[in-house]
Amino acid sequence: NAKNTVYLQMNGLKPEDTAVYYCAAD
C-alpha cells in the first residue's frame, strides 16, 4: 500500500498460462 502497487509472482509457468493479464480494483 505504501507503493500503491499489487504484485503477482508467477513461478513454474506453463504454456497454458499464456494470456493477457489484467489487474482490477474494487
mmCIF file of all heavy atoms, coordinates in Angstrom:
data_MODEL
# 
_entry.id   MODEL 
# 
loop_
_atom_site.group_PDB 
_atom_site.id 
_atom_site.type_symbol 
_atom_site.label_atom_id 
_atom_site.label_alt_id 
_atom_site.label_comp_id 
_atom_site.label_asym_id 
_atom_site.label_entity_id 
_atom_site.label_seq_id 
_atom_site.pdbx_PDB_ins_code 
_atom_site.Cartn_x 
_atom_site.Cartn_y 
_atom_site.Cartn_z 
_atom_site.occupancy 
_atom_site.B_iso_or_equiv 
_atom_site.pdbx_formal_charge 
_atom_site.auth_seq_id 
_atom_site.auth_comp_id 
_atom_site.auth_asym_id 
_atom_site.auth_atom_id 
_atom_site.pdbx_PDB_model_num 
ATOM 1   N N   . ASN A 1 1  ? 0.822   -1.212  0.000   1.00 0.00 ? 1  ASN A N   1 
ATOM 2   C CA  . ASN A 1 1  ? 0.000   0.000   0.000   1.00 0.00 ? 1  ASN A CA  1 
ATOM 3   C C   . ASN A 1 1  ? 0.855   1.262   0.000   1.00 0.00 ? 1  ASN A C   1 
ATOM 4   O O   . ASN A 1 1  ? 0.428   2.302   -0.513  1.00 0.00 ? 1  ASN A O   1 
ATOM 5   C CB  . ASN A 1 1  ? -0.937  -0.007  1.213   1.00 0.00 ? 1  ASN A CB  1 
ATOM 6   C CG  . ASN A 1 1  ? -2.124  -0.924  1.000   1.00 0.00 ? 1  ASN A CG  1 
ATOM 7   O OD1 . ASN A 1 1  ? -2.870  -0.770  0.034   1.00 0.00 ? 1  ASN A OD1 1 
ATOM 8   N ND2 . ASN A 1 1  ? -2.302  -1.885  1.883   1.00 0.00 ? 1  ASN A ND2 1 
ATOM 9   N N   . ALA A 1 2  ? 2.040   1.187   0.564   1.00 0.00 ? 2  ALA A N   1 
ATOM 10  C CA  . ALA A 1 2  ? 2.921   2.357   0.558   1.00 0.00 ? 2  ALA A CA  1 
ATOM 11  C C   . ALA A 1 2  ? 3.329   2.736   -0.860  1.00 0.00 ? 2  ALA A C   1 
ATOM 12  O O   . ALA A 1 2  ? 3.581   3.913   -1.151  1.00 0.00 ? 2  ALA A O   1 
ATOM 13  C CB  . ALA A 1 2  ? 4.149   2.096   1.412   1.00 0.00 ? 2  ALA A CB  1 
ATOM 14  N N   . LYS A 1 3  ? 3.395   1.742   -1.736  1.00 0.00 ? 3  LYS A N   1 
ATOM 15  C CA  . LYS A 1 3  ? 3.782   1.996   -3.127  1.00 0.00 ? 3  LYS A CA  1 
ATOM 16  C C   . LYS A 1 3  ? 2.596   1.959   -4.074  1.00 0.00 ? 3  LYS A C   1 
ATOM 17  O O   . LYS A 1 3  ? 2.779   2.059   -5.289  1.00 0.00 ? 3  LYS A O   1 
ATOM 18  C CB  . LYS A 1 3  ? 4.818   0.958   -3.572  1.00 0.00 ? 3  LYS A CB  1 
ATOM 19  C CG  . LYS A 1 3  ? 6.147   1.054   -2.836  1.00 0.00 ? 3  LYS A CG  1 
ATOM 20  C CD  . LYS A 1 3  ? 7.157   0.071   -3.413  1.00 0.00 ? 3  LYS A CD  1 
ATOM 21  C CE  . LYS A 1 3  ? 8.518   0.221   -2.732  1.00 0.00 ? 3  LYS A CE  1 
ATOM 22  N NZ  . LYS A 1 3  ? 9.523   -0.711  -3.307  1.00 0.00 ? 3  LYS A NZ  1 
ATOM 23  N N   . ASN A 1 4  ? 1.395   1.779   -3.527  1.00 0.00 ? 4  ASN A N   1 
ATOM 24  C CA  . ASN A 1 4  ? 0.192   1.703   -4.368  1.00 0.00 ? 4  ASN A CA  1 
ATOM 25  C C   . ASN A 1 4  ? 0.352   0.655   -5.470  1.00 0.00 ? 4  ASN A C   1 
ATOM 26  O O   . ASN A 1 4  ? -0.013  0.898   -6.632  1.00 0.00 ? 4  ASN A O   1 
ATOM 27  C CB  . ASN A 1 4  ? -0.133  3.064   -4.989  1.00 0.00 ? 4  ASN A CB  1 
ATOM 28  C CG  . ASN A 1 4  ? -0.691  4.049   -3.979  1.00 0.00 ? 4  ASN A CG  1 
ATOM 29  O OD1 . ASN A 1 4  ? -0.899  3.715   -2.825  1.00 0.00 ? 4  ASN A OD1 1 
ATOM 30  N ND2 . ASN A 1 4  ? -0.903  5.263   -4.420  1.00 0.00 ? 4  ASN A ND2 1 
ATOM 31  N N   . THR A 1 5  ? 0.899   -0.483  -5.099  1.00 0.00 ? 5  THR A N   1 
ATOM 32  C CA  . THR A 1 5  ? 1.205   -1.496  -6.101  1.00 0.00 ? 5  THR A CA  1 
ATOM 33  C C   . THR A 1 5  ? 0.781   -2.879  -5.611  1.00 0.00 ? 5  THR A C   1 
ATOM 34  O O   . THR A 1 5  ? 0.963   -3.207  -4.438  1.00 0.00 ? 5  THR A O   1 
ATOM 35  C CB  . THR A 1 5  ? 2.705   -1.498  -6.426  1.00 0.00 ? 5  THR A CB  1 
ATOM 36  O OG1 . THR A 1 5  ? 3.089   -0.195  -6.896  1.00 0.00 ? 5  THR A OG1 1 
ATOM 37  C CG2 . THR A 1 5  ? 3.034   -2.522  -7.504  1.00 0.00 ? 5  THR A CG2 1 
ATOM 38  N N   . VAL A 1 6  ? 0.248   -3.648  -6.521  1.00 0.00 ? 6  VAL A N   1 
ATOM 39  C CA  . VAL A 1 6  ? -0.060  -5.048  -6.256  1.00 0.00 ? 6  VAL A CA  1 
ATOM 40  C C   . VAL A 1 6  ? 0.774   -5.891  -7.212  1.00 0.00 ? 6  VAL A C   1 
ATOM 41  O O   . VAL A 1 6  ? 1.035   -5.480  -8.347  1.00 0.00 ? 6  VAL A O   1 
ATOM 42  C CB  . VAL A 1 6  ? -1.566  -5.344  -6.404  1.00 0.00 ? 6  VAL A CB  1 
ATOM 43  C CG1 . VAL A 1 6  ? -2.046  -5.105  -7.826  1.00 0.00 ? 6  VAL A CG1 1 
ATOM 44  C CG2 . VAL A 1 6  ? -1.904  -6.745  -5.942  1.00 0.00 ? 6  VAL A CG2 1 
ATOM 45  N N   . TYR A 1 7  ? 1.224   -7.046  -6.723  1.00 0.00 ? 7  TYR A N   1 
ATOM 46  C CA  . TYR A 1 7  ? 2.125   -7.884  -7.492  1.00 0.00 ? 7  TYR A CA  1 
ATOM 47  C C   . TYR A 1 7  ? 1.513   -9.272  -7.709  1.00 0.00 ? 7  TYR A C   1 
ATOM 48  O O   . TYR A 1 7  ? 0.681   -9.732  -6.917  1.00 0.00 ? 7  TYR A O   1 
ATOM 49  C CB  . TYR A 1 7  ? 3.451   -8.049  -6.754  1.00 0.00 ? 7  TYR A CB  1 
ATOM 50  C CG  . TYR A 1 7  ? 4.131   -6.752  -6.419  1.00 0.00 ? 7  TYR A CG  1 
ATOM 51  C CD1 . TYR A 1 7  ? 3.968   -6.164  -5.173  1.00 0.00 ? 7  TYR A CD1 1 
ATOM 52  C CD2 . TYR A 1 7  ? 4.947   -6.121  -7.351  1.00 0.00 ? 7  TYR A CD2 1 
ATOM 53  C CE1 . TYR A 1 7  ? 4.586   -4.964  -4.857  1.00 0.00 ? 7  TYR A CE1 1 
ATOM 54  C CE2 . TYR A 1 7  ? 5.575   -4.917  -7.045  1.00 0.00 ? 7  TYR A CE2 1 
ATOM 55  C CZ  . TYR A 1 7  ? 5.393   -4.352  -5.801  1.00 0.00 ? 7  TYR A CZ  1 
ATOM 56  O OH  . TYR A 1 7  ? 6.019   -3.164  -5.499  1.00 0.00 ? 7  TYR A OH  1 
ATOM 57  N N   . LEU A 1 8  ? 1.969   -9.915  -8.764  1.00 0.00 ? 8  LEU A N   1 
ATOM 58  C CA  . LEU A 1 8  ? 1.645   -11.315 -8.981  1.00 0.00 ? 8  LEU A CA  1 
ATOM 59  C C   . LEU A 1 8  ? 2.934   -12.038 -9.335  1.00 0.00 ? 8  LEU A C   1 
ATOM 60  O O   . LEU A 1 8  ? 3.459   -11.856 -10.440 1.00 0.00 ? 8  LEU A O   1 
ATOM 61  C CB  . LEU A 1 8  ? 0.610   -11.495 -10.091 1.00 0.00 ? 8  LEU A CB  1 
ATOM 62  C CG  . LEU A 1 8  ? 0.123   -12.925 -10.296 1.00 0.00 ? 8  LEU A CG  1 
ATOM 63  C CD1 . LEU A 1 8  ? -0.705  -13.387 -9.089  1.00 0.00 ? 8  LEU A CD1 1 
ATOM 64  C CD2 . LEU A 1 8  ? -0.715  -13.053 -11.576 1.00 0.00 ? 8  LEU A CD2 1 
ATOM 65  N N   . GLN A 1 9  ? 3.453   -12.790 -8.385  1.00 0.00 ? 9  GLN A N   1 
ATOM 66  C CA  . GLN A 1 9  ? 4.644   -13.587 -8.620  1.00 0.00 ? 9  GLN A CA  1 
ATOM 67  C C   . GLN A 1 9  ? 4.207   -14.914 -9.220  1.00 0.00 ? 9  GLN A C   1 
ATOM 68  O O   . GLN A 1 9  ? 3.413   -15.644 -8.625  1.00 0.00 ? 9  GLN A O   1 
ATOM 69  C CB  . GLN A 1 9  ? 5.397   -13.826 -7.317  1.00 0.00 ? 9  GLN A CB  1 
ATOM 70  C CG  . GLN A 1 9  ? 6.624   -14.700 -7.459  1.00 0.00 ? 9  GLN A CG  1 
ATOM 71  C CD  . GLN A 1 9  ? 7.717   -14.058 -8.287  1.00 0.00 ? 9  GLN A CD  1 
ATOM 72  O OE1 . GLN A 1 9  ? 8.014   -12.872 -8.105  1.00 0.00 ? 9  GLN A OE1 1 
ATOM 73  N NE2 . GLN A 1 9  ? 8.315   -14.813 -9.189  1.00 0.00 ? 9  GLN A NE2 1 
ATOM 74  N N   . MET A 1 10 ? 4.734   -15.218 -10.391 1.00 0.00 ? 10 MET A N   1 
ATOM 75  C CA  . MET A 1 10 ? 4.329   -16.421 -11.113 1.00 0.00 ? 10 MET A CA  1 
ATOM 76  C C   . MET A 1 10 ? 5.541   -17.322 -11.275 1.00 0.00 ? 10 MET A C   1 
ATOM 77  O O   . MET A 1 10 ? 6.504   -16.954 -11.964 1.00 0.00 ? 10 MET A O   1 
ATOM 78  C CB  . MET A 1 10 ? 3.745   -16.055 -12.481 1.00 0.00 ? 10 MET A CB  1 
ATOM 79  C CG  . MET A 1 10 ? 2.592   -15.056 -12.394 1.00 0.00 ? 10 MET A CG  1 
ATOM 80  S SD  . MET A 1 10 ? 1.792   -14.755 -13.980 1.00 0.00 ? 10 MET A SD  1 
ATOM 81  C CE  . MET A 1 10 ? 3.127   -13.984 -14.883 1.00 0.00 ? 10 MET A CE  1 
ATOM 82  N N   . ASN A 1 11 ? 5.484   -18.472 -10.659 1.00 0.00 ? 11 ASN A N   1 
ATOM 83  C CA  . ASN A 1 11 ? 6.558   -19.460 -10.742 1.00 0.00 ? 11 ASN A CA  1 
ATOM 84  C C   . ASN A 1 11 ? 6.035   -20.721 -11.424 1.00 0.00 ? 11 ASN A C   1 
ATOM 85  O O   . ASN A 1 11 ? 4.823   -20.948 -11.474 1.00 0.00 ? 11 ASN A O   1 
ATOM 86  C CB  . ASN A 1 11 ? 7.079   -19.816 -9.353  1.00 0.00 ? 11 ASN A CB  1 
ATOM 87  C CG  . ASN A 1 11 ? 7.661   -18.618 -8.621  1.00 0.00 ? 11 ASN A CG  1 
ATOM 88  O OD1 . ASN A 1 11 ? 8.242   -17.713 -9.232  1.00 0.00 ? 11 ASN A OD1 1 
ATOM 89  N ND2 . ASN A 1 11 ? 7.515   -18.600 -7.311  1.00 0.00 ? 11 ASN A ND2 1 
ATOM 90  N N   . GLY A 1 12 ? 6.943   -21.543 -11.907 1.00 0.00 ? 12 GLY A N   1 
ATOM 91  C CA  . GLY A 1 12 ? 6.527   -22.778 -12.544 1.00 0.00 ? 12 GLY A CA  1 
ATOM 92  C C   . GLY A 1 12 ? 5.564   -22.556 -13.697 1.00 0.00 ? 12 GLY A C   1 
ATOM 93  O O   . GLY A 1 12 ? 4.590   -23.296 -13.844 1.00 0.00 ? 12 GLY A O   1 
ATOM 94  N N   . LEU A 1 13 ? 5.838   -21.566 -14.514 1.00 0.00 ? 13 LEU A N   1 
ATOM 95  C CA  . LEU A 1 13 ? 4.907   -21.217 -15.587 1.00 0.00 ? 13 LEU A CA  1 
ATOM 96  C C   . LEU A 1 13 ? 4.757   -22.340 -16.593 1.00 0.00 ? 13 LEU A C   1 
ATOM 97  O O   . LEU A 1 13 ? 5.714   -23.069 -16.900 1.00 0.00 ? 13 LEU A O   1 
ATOM 98  C CB  . LEU A 1 13 ? 5.364   -19.937 -16.271 1.00 0.00 ? 13 LEU A CB  1 
ATOM 99  C CG  . LEU A 1 13 ? 5.057   -18.664 -15.470 1.00 0.00 ? 13 LEU A CG  1 
ATOM 100 C CD1 . LEU A 1 13 ? 5.905   -17.503 -15.948 1.00 0.00 ? 13 LEU A CD1 1 
ATOM 101 C CD2 . LEU A 1 13 ? 3.577   -18.327 -15.566 1.00 0.00 ? 13 LEU A CD2 1 
ATOM 102 N N   . LYS A 1 14 ? 3.540   -22.453 -17.106 1.00 0.00 ? 14 LYS A N   1 
ATOM 103 C CA  . LYS A 1 14 ? 3.177   -23.478 -18.084 1.00 0.00 ? 14 LYS A CA  1 
ATOM 104 C C   . LYS A 1 14 ? 2.670   -22.803 -19.344 1.00 0.00 ? 14 LYS A C   1 
ATOM 105 O O   . LYS A 1 14 ? 2.167   -21.679 -19.287 1.00 0.00 ? 14 LYS A O   1 
ATOM 106 C CB  . LYS A 1 14 ? 2.086   -24.372 -17.515 1.00 0.00 ? 14 LYS A CB  1 
ATOM 107 C CG  . LYS A 1 14 ? 2.413   -25.017 -16.181 1.00 0.00 ? 14 LYS A CG  1 
ATOM 108 C CD  . LYS A 1 14 ? 1.212   -25.796 -15.653 1.00 0.00 ? 14 LYS A CD  1 
ATOM 109 C CE  . LYS A 1 14 ? 1.522   -26.436 -14.299 1.00 0.00 ? 14 LYS A CE  1 
ATOM 110 N NZ  . LYS A 1 14 ? 0.345   -27.193 -13.773 1.00 0.00 ? 14 LYS A NZ  1 
ATOM 111 N N   . PRO A 1 15 ? 2.741   -23.474 -20.482 1.00 0.00 ? 15 PRO A N   1 
ATOM 112 C CA  . PRO A 1 15 ? 2.211   -22.876 -21.715 1.00 0.00 ? 15 PRO A CA  1 
ATOM 113 C C   . PRO A 1 15 ? 0.744   -22.452 -21.577 1.00 0.00 ? 15 PRO A C   1 
ATOM 114 O O   . PRO A 1 15 ? 0.341   -21.444 -22.166 1.00 0.00 ? 15 PRO A O   1 
ATOM 115 C CB  . PRO A 1 15 ? 2.370   -23.998 -22.741 1.00 0.00 ? 15 PRO A CB  1 
ATOM 116 C CG  . PRO A 1 15 ? 3.553   -24.770 -22.254 1.00 0.00 ? 15 PRO A CG  1 
ATOM 117 C CD  . PRO A 1 15 ? 3.440   -24.736 -20.754 1.00 0.00 ? 15 PRO A CD  1 
ATOM 118 N N   . GLU A 1 16 ? -0.025  -23.168 -20.797 1.00 0.00 ? 16 GLU A N   1 
ATOM 119 C CA  . GLU A 1 16 ? -1.434  -22.808 -20.626 1.00 0.00 ? 16 GLU A CA  1 
ATOM 120 C C   . GLU A 1 16 ? -1.633  -21.549 -19.791 1.00 0.00 ? 16 GLU A C   1 
ATOM 121 O O   . GLU A 1 16 ? -2.757  -21.061 -19.644 1.00 0.00 ? 16 GLU A O   1 
ATOM 122 C CB  . GLU A 1 16 ? -2.225  -23.968 -20.006 1.00 0.00 ? 16 GLU A CB  1 
ATOM 123 C CG  . GLU A 1 16 ? -1.625  -24.553 -18.755 1.00 0.00 ? 16 GLU A CG  1 
ATOM 124 C CD  . GLU A 1 16 ? -0.784  -25.785 -19.029 1.00 0.00 ? 16 GLU A CD  1 
ATOM 125 O OE1 . GLU A 1 16 ? -0.003  -25.780 -20.003 1.00 0.00 ? 16 GLU A OE1 1 
ATOM 126 O OE2 . GLU A 1 16 ? -0.916  -26.750 -18.246 1.00 0.00 ? 16 GLU A OE2 1 
ATOM 127 N N   . ASP A 1 17 ? -0.571  -21.001 -19.224 1.00 0.00 ? 17 ASP A N   1 
ATOM 128 C CA  . ASP A 1 17 ? -0.657  -19.716 -18.538 1.00 0.00 ? 17 ASP A CA  1 
ATOM 129 C C   . ASP A 1 17 ? -0.562  -18.535 -19.511 1.00 0.00 ? 17 ASP A C   1 
ATOM 130 O O   . ASP A 1 17 ? -0.727  -17.386 -19.103 1.00 0.00 ? 17 ASP A O   1 
ATOM 131 C CB  . ASP A 1 17 ? 0.460   -19.584 -17.502 1.00 0.00 ? 17 ASP A CB  1 
ATOM 132 C CG  . ASP A 1 17 ? 0.328   -20.567 -16.357 1.00 0.00 ? 17 ASP A CG  1 
ATOM 133 O OD1 . ASP A 1 17 ? -0.809  -20.777 -15.883 1.00 0.00 ? 17 ASP A OD1 1 
ATOM 134 O OD2 . ASP A 1 17 ? 1.356   -21.137 -15.937 1.00 0.00 ? 17 ASP A OD2 1 
ATOM 135 N N   . THR A 1 18 ? -0.296  -18.825 -20.765 1.00 0.00 ? 18 THR A N   1 
ATOM 136 C CA  . THR A 1 18 ? -0.195  -17.772 -21.772 1.00 0.00 ? 18 THR A CA  1 
ATOM 137 C C   . THR A 1 18 ? -1.527  -17.032 -21.893 1.00 0.00 ? 18 THR A C   1 
ATOM 138 O O   . THR A 1 18 ? -2.568  -17.651 -22.108 1.00 0.00 ? 18 THR A O   1 
ATOM 139 C CB  . THR A 1 18 ? 0.191   -18.364 -23.136 1.00 0.00 ? 18 THR A CB  1 
ATOM 140 O OG1 . THR A 1 18 ? 1.513   -18.902 -23.050 1.00 0.00 ? 18 THR A OG1 1 
ATOM 141 C CG2 . THR A 1 18 ? 0.140   -17.305 -24.230 1.00 0.00 ? 18 THR A CG2 1 
ATOM 142 N N   . ALA A 1 19 ? -1.474  -15.716 -21.732 1.00 0.00 ? 19 ALA A N   1 
ATOM 143 C CA  . ALA A 1 19 ? -2.686  -14.894 -21.751 1.00 0.00 ? 19 ALA A CA  1 
ATOM 144 C C   . ALA A 1 19 ? -2.295  -13.430 -21.569 1.00 0.00 ? 19 ALA A C   1 
ATOM 145 O O   . ALA A 1 19 ? -1.144  -13.117 -21.247 1.00 0.00 ? 19 ALA A O   1 
ATOM 146 C CB  . ALA A 1 19 ? -3.638  -15.304 -20.641 1.00 0.00 ? 19 ALA A CB  1 
ATOM 147 N N   . VAL A 1 20 ? -3.279  -12.573 -21.761 1.00 0.00 ? 20 VAL A N   1 
ATOM 148 C CA  . VAL A 1 20 ? -3.144  -11.184 -21.330 1.00 0.00 ? 20 VAL A CA  1 
ATOM 149 C C   . VAL A 1 20 ? -3.633  -11.123 -19.891 1.00 0.00 ? 20 VAL A C   1 
ATOM 150 O O   . VAL A 1 20 ? -4.731  -11.589 -19.585 1.00 0.00 ? 20 VAL A O   1 
ATOM 151 C CB  . VAL A 1 20 ? -3.958  -10.228 -22.217 1.00 0.00 ? 20 VAL A CB  1 
ATOM 152 C CG1 . VAL A 1 20 ? -3.852  -8.796  -21.687 1.00 0.00 ? 20 VAL A CG1 1 
ATOM 153 C CG2 . VAL A 1 20 ? -3.489  -10.301 -23.666 1.00 0.00 ? 20 VAL A CG2 1 
ATOM 154 N N   . TYR A 1 21 ? -2.798  -10.559 -19.037 1.00 0.00 ? 21 TYR A N   1 
ATOM 155 C CA  . TYR A 1 21 ? -3.124  -10.477 -17.616 1.00 0.00 ? 21 TYR A CA  1 
ATOM 156 C C   . TYR A 1 21 ? -3.555  -9.053  -17.267 1.00 0.00 ? 21 TYR A C   1 
ATOM 157 O O   . TYR A 1 21 ? -2.877  -8.085  -17.621 1.00 0.00 ? 21 TYR A O   1 
ATOM 158 C CB  . TYR A 1 21 ? -1.912  -10.874 -16.776 1.00 0.00 ? 21 TYR A CB  1 
ATOM 159 C CG  . TYR A 1 21 ? -1.700  -12.367 -16.739 1.00 0.00 ? 21 TYR A CG  1 
ATOM 160 C CD1 . TYR A 1 21 ? -1.263  -13.057 -17.865 1.00 0.00 ? 21 TYR A CD1 1 
ATOM 161 C CD2 . TYR A 1 21 ? -1.968  -13.105 -15.593 1.00 0.00 ? 21 TYR A CD2 1 
ATOM 162 C CE1 . TYR A 1 21 ? -1.094  -14.429 -17.848 1.00 0.00 ? 21 TYR A CE1 1 
ATOM 163 C CE2 . TYR A 1 21 ? -1.794  -14.477 -15.555 1.00 0.00 ? 21 TYR A CE2 1 
ATOM 164 C CZ  . TYR A 1 21 ? -1.367  -15.127 -16.693 1.00 0.00 ? 21 TYR A CZ  1 
ATOM 165 O OH  . TYR A 1 21 ? -1.197  -16.499 -16.660 1.00 0.00 ? 21 TYR A OH  1 
ATOM 166 N N   . TYR A 1 22 ? -4.683  -8.978  -16.559 1.00 0.00 ? 22 TYR A N   1 
ATOM 167 C CA  . TYR A 1 22 ? -5.257  -7.698  -16.163 1.00 0.00 ? 22 TYR A CA  1 
ATOM 168 C C   . TYR A 1 22 ? -5.327  -7.599  -14.644 1.00 0.00 ? 22 TYR A C   1 
ATOM 169 O O   . TYR A 1 22 ? -5.658  -8.583  -13.975 1.00 0.00 ? 22 TYR A O   1 
ATOM 170 C CB  . TYR A 1 22 ? -6.675  -7.560  -16.701 1.00 0.00 ? 22 TYR A CB  1 
ATOM 171 C CG  . TYR A 1 22 ? -6.801  -7.618  -18.201 1.00 0.00 ? 22 TYR A CG  1 
ATOM 172 C CD1 . TYR A 1 22 ? -7.009  -8.830  -18.851 1.00 0.00 ? 22 TYR A CD1 1 
ATOM 173 C CD2 . TYR A 1 22 ? -6.739  -6.453  -18.966 1.00 0.00 ? 22 TYR A CD2 1 
ATOM 174 C CE1 . TYR A 1 22 ? -7.136  -8.893  -20.237 1.00 0.00 ? 22 TYR A CE1 1 
ATOM 175 C CE2 . TYR A 1 22 ? -6.871  -6.504  -20.346 1.00 0.00 ? 22 TYR A CE2 1 
ATOM 176 C CZ  . TYR A 1 22 ? -7.068  -7.717  -20.970 1.00 0.00 ? 22 TYR A CZ  1 
ATOM 177 O OH  . TYR A 1 22 ? -7.201  -7.767  -22.334 1.00 0.00 ? 22 TYR A OH  1 
ATOM 178 N N   . CYS A 1 23 ? -5.049  -6.410  -14.122 1.00 0.00 ? 23 CYS A N   1 
ATOM 179 C CA  . CYS A 1 23 ? -5.351  -6.185  -12.712 1.00 0.00 ? 23 CYS A CA  1 
ATOM 180 C C   . CYS A 1 23 ? -6.615  -5.330  -12.618 1.00 0.00 ? 23 CYS A C   1 
ATOM 181 O O   . CYS A 1 23 ? -6.975  -4.617  -13.567 1.00 0.00 ? 23 CYS A O   1 
ATOM 182 C CB  . CYS A 1 23 ? -4.192  -5.537  -11.974 1.00 0.00 ? 23 CYS A CB  1 
ATOM 183 S SG  . CYS A 1 23 ? -3.874  -3.822  -12.376 1.00 0.00 ? 23 CYS A SG  1 
ATOM 184 N N   . ALA A 1 24 ? -7.273  -5.428  -11.483 1.00 0.00 ? 24 ALA A N   1 
ATOM 185 C CA  . ALA A 1 24 ? -8.528  -4.737  -11.282 1.00 0.00 ? 24 ALA A CA  1 
ATOM 186 C C   . ALA A 1 24 ? -8.654  -4.316  -9.827  1.00 0.00 ? 24 ALA A C   1 
ATOM 187 O O   . ALA A 1 24 ? -8.050  -4.929  -8.940  1.00 0.00 ? 24 ALA A O   1 
ATOM 188 C CB  . ALA A 1 24 ? -9.700  -5.637  -11.674 1.00 0.00 ? 24 ALA A CB  1 
ATOM 189 N N   . ALA A 1 25 ? -9.450  -3.262  -9.602  1.00 0.00 ? 25 ALA A N   1 
ATOM 190 C CA  . ALA A 1 25 ? -9.643  -2.718  -8.259  1.00 0.00 ? 25 ALA A CA  1 
ATOM 191 C C   . ALA A 1 25 ? -11.128 -2.545  -7.969  1.00 0.00 ? 25 ALA A C   1 
ATOM 192 O O   . ALA A 1 25 ? -11.901 -2.131  -8.843  1.00 0.00 ? 25 ALA A O   1 
ATOM 193 C CB  . ALA A 1 25 ? -8.927  -1.377  -8.135  1.00 0.00 ? 25 ALA A CB  1 
ATOM 194 N N   . ASP A 1 26 ? -11.491 -2.845  -6.732  1.00 0.00 ? 26 ASP A N   1 
ATOM 195 C CA  . ASP A 1 26 ? -12.874 -2.691  -6.285  1.00 0.00 ? 26 ASP A CA  1 
ATOM 196 C C   . ASP A 1 26 ? -12.865 -2.132  -4.870  1.00 0.00 ? 26 ASP A C   1 
ATOM 197 O O   . ASP A 1 26 ? -12.172 -2.674  -4.002  1.00 0.00 ? 26 ASP A O   1 
ATOM 198 C CB  . ASP A 1 26 ? -13.587 -4.047  -6.323  1.00 0.00 ? 26 ASP A CB  1 
ATOM 199 C CG  . ASP A 1 26 ? -15.014 -3.953  -5.839  1.00 0.00 ? 26 ASP A CG  1 
ATOM 200 O OD1 . ASP A 1 26 ? -15.734 -3.041  -6.296  1.00 0.00 ? 26 ASP A OD1 1 
ATOM 201 O OD2 . ASP A 1 26 ? -15.417 -4.776  -5.010  1.00 0.00 ? 26 ASP A OD2 1 
# 
